[in-house]
Amino acid sequence: MSLPLVIEAADLAQQLNNPNLLIIDLSDEETYNSGHIPGAVRVDTSRLMLGSGPVPNKLPTAAQLSDLFSELGLTEETHVVTYDNQMGPWAGRMIWTLNLLGHERCSFLNGQLKAWTNAGLTLETTANIPTEVPFRATINTDYLADIAFIKQHLRDSHNVIWDARSGDEYRGAKIVNAQKGGHIPGARLYEWTQVMISTDDTRLRPANEIQAELDRMGISTDKEVITHCQTHRRSGLTYLVAKHLGFKKVRCYDGSWFEWGNQPDTPVEQ
């Protein structure tokens, strides 16, 4: 089975009977129970975060990820399709998580569940339980950026930081769970919702339109991108979009502003 990174609802519908397909619904439990894509398995979004320590939104441990993907029955042949009910950020973060474990057989449902229902496709309400298969997670740190990495590359012309937050957060006018506001020096602002047609139609805009705007911001495909937001939720979507556009080197700063904005020695611009 060979599916694109961004898949349309009608194309996914043709694959529902494929035994190697795993559809992951990252919606809240109430939404999942009210109707989901046939065969979809719900994963609580908390499973994509460490959940403890001073920065609980960071990547889970290898042991935590081993448990999660063993429960989901992930194998090398599995093709994972993700969606959520928050316009795509958790679905993107799941794909990032899979990628850093070396799993590239992933797709992102374009437009999320609304695109499925708008296409006239049916839902089910029966909960699905996958068959467990042992999985051992090994984390590829090439997909990660931390404070040390960012500081080391702040003046590197081959790297660019994509800040996916709002303009007010970027400028420091709005501070969320942090001791200081603003942005990482040199970071370029391109808010995560700009990649969508609209907040009502959350399908991605044409790739060439997004890339033209990113180019004007200095976020070009010849650079290594580090993307972040407040807790690496919204930047889950910008990671997915960067991969969709053909960026070869994309890292996520999973600590995001929750970590950077609470450190006494991290530089800030406003």
Protein backbone atom coordinates (compact mmCIF):
# COMPACT_ATOMS: atom_id res chain seq x y z
CA MET A 1 0.00 0.00 0.00
CA SER A 2 1.43 3.35 -1.08
CA LEU A 3 -0.49 6.40 0.10
CA PRO A 4 0.47 10.10 0.00
CA LEU A 5 1.44 12.01 3.13
CA VAL A 6 -1.71 14.12 2.78
CA ILE A 7 -4.67 11.95 1.82
CA GLU A 8 -8.13 12.99 0.70
CA ALA A 9 -11.21 11.48 2.33
CA ALA A 10 -12.41 9.76 -0.85
CA ASP A 11 -9.03 8.09 -1.33
CA LEU A 12 -8.94 6.89 2.26
CA ALA A 13 -12.42 5.42 1.89
CA GLN A 14 -11.10 3.08 -0.81
CA GLN A 15 -8.54 1.63 1.64
CA LEU A 16 -10.76 0.84 4.63
CA ASN A 17 -10.60 -2.92 4.10
CA ASN A 18 -6.81 -3.01 3.79
CA PRO A 19 -5.46 -5.17 6.66
CA ASN A 20 -2.31 -3.04 6.94
CA LEU A 21 -4.25 0.19 7.54
CA LEU A 22 -4.34 1.74 11.02
CA ILE A 23 -6.52 4.84 11.38
CA ILE A 24 -5.80 6.85 14.53
CA ASP A 25 -8.43 9.26 15.85
CA LEU A 26 -6.93 11.86 18.20
CA SER A 27 -10.23 13.50 19.09
CA ASP A 28 -11.62 13.68 22.59
CA GLU A 29 -13.58 10.68 23.83
CA GLU A 30 -17.01 12.31 23.43
CA THR A 31 -16.32 13.20 19.81
CA TYR A 32 -14.99 9.72 19.05
CA ASN A 33 -18.01 8.04 20.64
CA SER A 34 -20.42 10.22 18.70
CA GLY A 35 -18.97 9.06 15.38
CA HIS A 36 -15.62 8.19 13.83
CA ILE A 37 -14.21 6.79 10.62
CA PRO A 38 -14.96 3.05 10.41
CA GLY A 39 -12.12 1.08 11.94
CA ALA A 40 -10.50 4.10 13.62
CA VAL A 41 -8.80 3.59 16.97
CA ARG A 42 -8.85 6.43 19.50
CA VAL A 43 -5.57 7.53 21.10
CA ASP A 44 -5.62 10.01 23.97
CA THR A 45 -3.39 12.95 23.06
CA SER A 46 -1.71 12.76 26.47
CA ARG A 47 0.06 9.64 25.16
CA LEU A 48 2.06 11.89 22.80
CA MET A 49 3.60 13.85 25.69
CA LEU A 50 5.96 13.02 28.53
CA GLY A 51 3.32 14.02 31.06
CA SER A 52 5.67 14.74 33.97
CA GLY A 53 8.58 16.93 35.02
CA PRO A 54 9.08 20.64 34.52
CA VAL A 55 8.17 20.44 30.80
CA PRO A 56 5.43 17.77 30.54
CA ASN A 57 4.71 18.55 26.87
CA LYS A 58 8.04 17.09 25.75
CA LEU A 59 8.39 13.84 23.82
CA PRO A 60 7.56 10.69 25.82
CA THR A 61 10.33 8.30 26.77
CA ALA A 62 11.24 5.37 24.55
CA ALA A 63 9.54 3.09 27.08
CA GLN A 64 6.31 5.10 26.95
CA LEU A 65 6.35 5.05 23.14
CA SER A 66 7.10 1.33 23.09
CA ASP A 67 4.00 0.74 25.23
CA LEU A 68 1.81 2.95 23.05
CA PHE A 69 2.76 1.49 19.70
CA SER A 70 2.75 -2.07 21.04
CA GLU A 71 -0.86 -1.47 22.10
CA LEU A 72 -1.63 -0.12 18.63
CA GLY A 73 -0.07 -3.15 16.93
CA LEU A 74 2.35 -1.08 14.84
CA THR A 75 4.54 -3.09 12.44
CA GLU A 76 6.81 -2.12 9.53
CA GLU A 77 3.95 -2.89 7.12
CA THR A 78 1.39 -0.74 8.95
CA HIS A 79 0.26 2.40 7.17
CA VAL A 80 -1.03 4.92 9.71
CA VAL A 81 -3.62 7.59 8.89
CA THR A 82 -4.21 10.30 11.48
CA TYR A 83 -6.87 12.90 12.19
CA ASP A 84 -8.15 14.93 15.15
CA ASN A 85 -10.89 17.39 16.06
CA GLN A 86 -8.60 20.39 16.62
CA MET A 87 -7.87 21.28 12.97
CA GLY A 88 -4.90 18.97 12.60
CA PRO A 89 -2.14 19.73 15.14
CA TRP A 90 -2.38 16.47 17.08
CA ALA A 91 -2.58 14.48 13.85
CA GLY A 92 0.61 16.21 12.73
CA ARG A 93 2.33 15.59 16.05
CA MET A 94 1.47 11.89 15.80
CA ILE A 95 3.14 11.73 12.38
CA TRP A 96 6.21 13.53 13.78
CA THR A 97 6.32 10.98 16.59
CA LEU A 98 6.14 8.10 14.14
CA ASN A 99 8.80 9.66 11.91
CA LEU A 100 11.31 10.02 14.73
CA LEU A 101 10.77 6.33 15.47
CA GLY A 102 11.68 5.55 11.87
CA HIS A 103 8.12 4.90 10.66
CA GLU A 104 7.44 6.72 7.40
CA ARG A 105 4.26 4.94 6.31
CA CYS A 106 1.99 7.75 7.47
CA SER A 107 -0.80 9.91 6.09
CA PHE A 108 -2.69 12.93 7.37
CA LEU A 109 -6.39 13.17 6.56
CA ASN A 110 -6.81 16.46 4.71
CA GLY A 111 -9.58 18.45 6.36
CA GLN A 112 -9.94 16.06 9.30
CA LEU A 113 -13.26 14.36 10.13
CA LYS A 114 -15.34 17.19 8.66
CA ALA A 115 -13.86 16.49 5.22
CA TRP A 116 -14.96 12.86 5.61
CA THR A 117 -18.56 13.76 6.47
CA ASN A 118 -18.67 16.51 3.82
CA ALA A 119 -17.77 13.85 1.26
CA GLY A 120 -20.92 11.95 2.28
CA LEU A 121 -18.96 9.12 3.89
CA THR A 122 -20.39 7.17 6.81
CA LEU A 123 -19.28 7.07 10.43
CA GLU A 124 -19.48 4.36 13.07
CA THR A 125 -19.91 4.58 16.84
CA THR A 126 -18.45 1.21 17.84
CA ALA A 127 -15.10 1.55 19.62
CA ASN A 128 -12.25 -0.33 17.97
CA ILE A 129 -9.53 -2.15 19.90
CA PRO A 130 -6.31 -3.02 18.02
CA THR A 131 -4.43 -6.27 18.39
CA GLU A 132 -1.22 -5.78 20.37
CA VAL A 133 2.13 -6.52 18.76
CA PRO A 134 5.49 -6.04 20.52
CA PHE A 135 7.16 -2.79 19.43
CA ARG A 136 10.48 -1.41 20.62
CA ALA A 137 10.87 2.33 20.15
CA THR A 138 14.21 3.85 19.16
CA ILE A 139 14.25 7.66 18.98
CA ASN A 140 16.08 9.42 16.14
CA THR A 141 17.21 12.75 17.62
CA ASP A 142 17.61 14.24 14.12
CA TYR A 143 13.93 15.13 14.42
CA LEU A 144 14.43 16.96 17.73
CA ALA A 145 15.76 20.36 18.74
CA ASP A 146 16.53 21.37 22.31
CA ILE A 147 17.78 24.57 23.93
CA ALA A 148 21.42 23.65 23.39
CA PHE A 149 20.88 22.89 19.69
CA ILE A 150 18.94 26.11 19.11
CA LYS A 151 21.52 28.28 20.88
CA GLN A 152 24.28 26.64 18.86
CA HIS A 153 22.54 27.41 15.56
CA LEU A 154 21.01 30.84 16.27
CA ARG A 155 23.39 32.56 13.84
CA ASP A 156 23.55 29.70 11.35
CA SER A 157 22.24 30.82 7.95
CA HIS A 158 21.45 27.21 7.07
CA ASN A 159 18.84 26.99 9.85
CA VAL A 160 15.57 28.83 10.35
CA ILE A 161 13.08 28.79 13.23
CA TRP A 162 9.40 28.60 12.27
CA ASP A 163 7.26 30.03 15.10
CA ALA A 164 3.71 28.71 14.68
CA ARG A 165 2.11 30.79 17.45
CA SER A 166 -0.11 33.84 17.15
CA GLY A 167 1.23 37.28 16.37
CA ASP A 168 0.51 38.51 19.90
CA GLU A 169 2.47 35.62 21.40
CA TYR A 170 5.33 36.19 18.98
CA ARG A 171 5.54 39.90 19.82
CA GLY A 172 5.22 39.30 23.57
CA ALA A 173 1.86 41.06 23.88
CA LYS A 174 0.35 37.78 25.07
CA ILE A 175 2.27 35.58 27.52
CA VAL A 176 1.02 32.05 28.20
CA ASN A 177 2.43 30.03 31.12
CA ALA A 178 5.84 31.68 30.87
CA GLN A 179 7.95 34.16 32.80
CA LYS A 180 8.73 36.18 29.69
CA GLY A 181 7.19 36.84 26.30
CA GLY A 182 8.44 37.35 22.77
CA HIS A 183 10.21 34.98 20.43
CA ILE A 184 13.49 33.17 19.90
CA PRO A 185 15.97 35.56 18.21
CA GLY A 186 15.65 35.34 14.43
CA ALA A 187 12.49 33.21 14.51
CA ARG A 188 10.04 33.77 11.65
CA LEU A 189 6.32 34.04 12.38
CA TYR A 190 3.93 32.02 10.22
CA GLU A 191 0.87 31.19 12.30
CA TRP A 192 -0.31 27.60 12.07
CA THR A 193 -3.81 28.47 10.85
CA GLN A 194 -2.37 30.19 7.77
CA VAL A 195 -1.78 26.79 6.15
CA MET A 196 -5.55 26.07 6.06
CA ILE A 197 -8.20 27.23 3.65
CA SER A 198 -10.08 28.58 6.69
CA THR A 199 -10.92 27.58 10.23
CA ASP A 200 -14.22 26.21 8.85
CA ASP A 201 -12.54 24.36 5.99
CA THR A 202 -9.35 22.98 7.52
CA ARG A 203 -8.04 21.37 4.35
CA LEU A 204 -4.57 22.58 3.49
CA ARG A 205 -4.19 25.43 1.03
CA PRO A 206 -2.35 24.70 -2.26
CA ALA A 207 1.27 23.82 -1.53
CA ASN A 208 2.66 26.39 -3.95
CA GLU A 209 0.75 29.19 -2.21
CA ILE A 210 2.02 28.21 1.23
CA GLN A 211 5.60 27.82 -0.01
CA ALA A 212 5.55 31.22 -1.72
CA GLU A 213 4.54 32.85 1.56
CA LEU A 214 7.14 30.89 3.53
CA ASP A 215 9.83 31.87 1.03
CA ARG A 216 9.02 35.52 1.66
CA MET A 217 9.51 34.82 5.38
CA GLY A 218 12.87 33.20 4.75
CA ILE A 219 11.56 29.69 5.46
CA SER A 220 12.85 28.01 2.32
CA THR A 221 13.35 24.35 1.45
CA ASP A 222 17.14 24.69 1.28
CA LYS A 223 17.27 25.29 5.05
CA GLU A 224 16.90 23.07 8.08
CA VAL A 225 13.69 24.10 9.82
CA ILE A 226 13.05 24.09 13.56
CA THR A 227 9.37 24.55 14.28
CA HIS A 228 7.71 25.21 17.64
CA CYS A 229 4.74 26.85 19.34
CA GLN A 230 3.76 27.02 23.02
CA THR A 231 3.69 23.27 23.81
CA HIS A 232 4.42 21.64 20.42
CA ARG A 233 0.76 21.07 19.61
CA ARG A 234 0.22 23.67 16.89
CA SER A 235 3.71 23.00 15.54
CA GLY A 236 2.66 19.40 15.01
CA LEU A 237 0.71 20.76 12.04
CA THR A 238 3.54 22.97 10.79
CA TYR A 239 5.88 19.98 10.94
CA LEU A 240 3.44 18.02 8.77
CA VAL A 241 3.12 20.91 6.32
CA ALA A 242 6.90 21.30 6.02
CA LYS A 243 7.21 17.60 5.18
CA HIS A 244 4.31 17.92 2.72
CA LEU A 245 6.10 20.81 0.99
CA GLY A 246 9.25 18.76 0.56
CA PHE A 247 11.52 20.11 3.29
CA LYS A 248 14.24 17.51 3.81
CA LYS A 249 15.38 18.54 7.29
CA VAL A 250 12.70 19.42 9.84
CA ARG A 251 13.17 19.37 13.60
CA CYS A 252 10.61 20.10 16.29
CA TYR A 253 11.43 21.92 19.49
CA ASP A 254 9.16 19.90 21.75
CA GLY A 255 9.88 22.05 24.80
CA SER A 256 8.61 25.05 22.81
CA TRP A 257 7.86 28.37 24.48
CA PHE A 258 6.68 26.66 27.66
CA GLU A 259 10.31 25.74 28.24
CA TRP A 260 12.12 28.63 26.50
CA GLY A 261 10.00 31.32 28.11
CA ASN A 262 10.62 29.95 31.60
CA GLN A 263 14.41 29.74 31.42
CA PRO A 264 16.36 32.66 32.92
CA ASP A 265 19.19 32.51 30.38
CA THR A 266 17.35 32.02 27.07
CA PRO A 267 17.57 35.07 24.75
CA VAL A 268 14.33 36.71 23.63
CA GLU A 269 13.32 39.24 21.00
CA GLN A 270 10.07 41.19 20.89
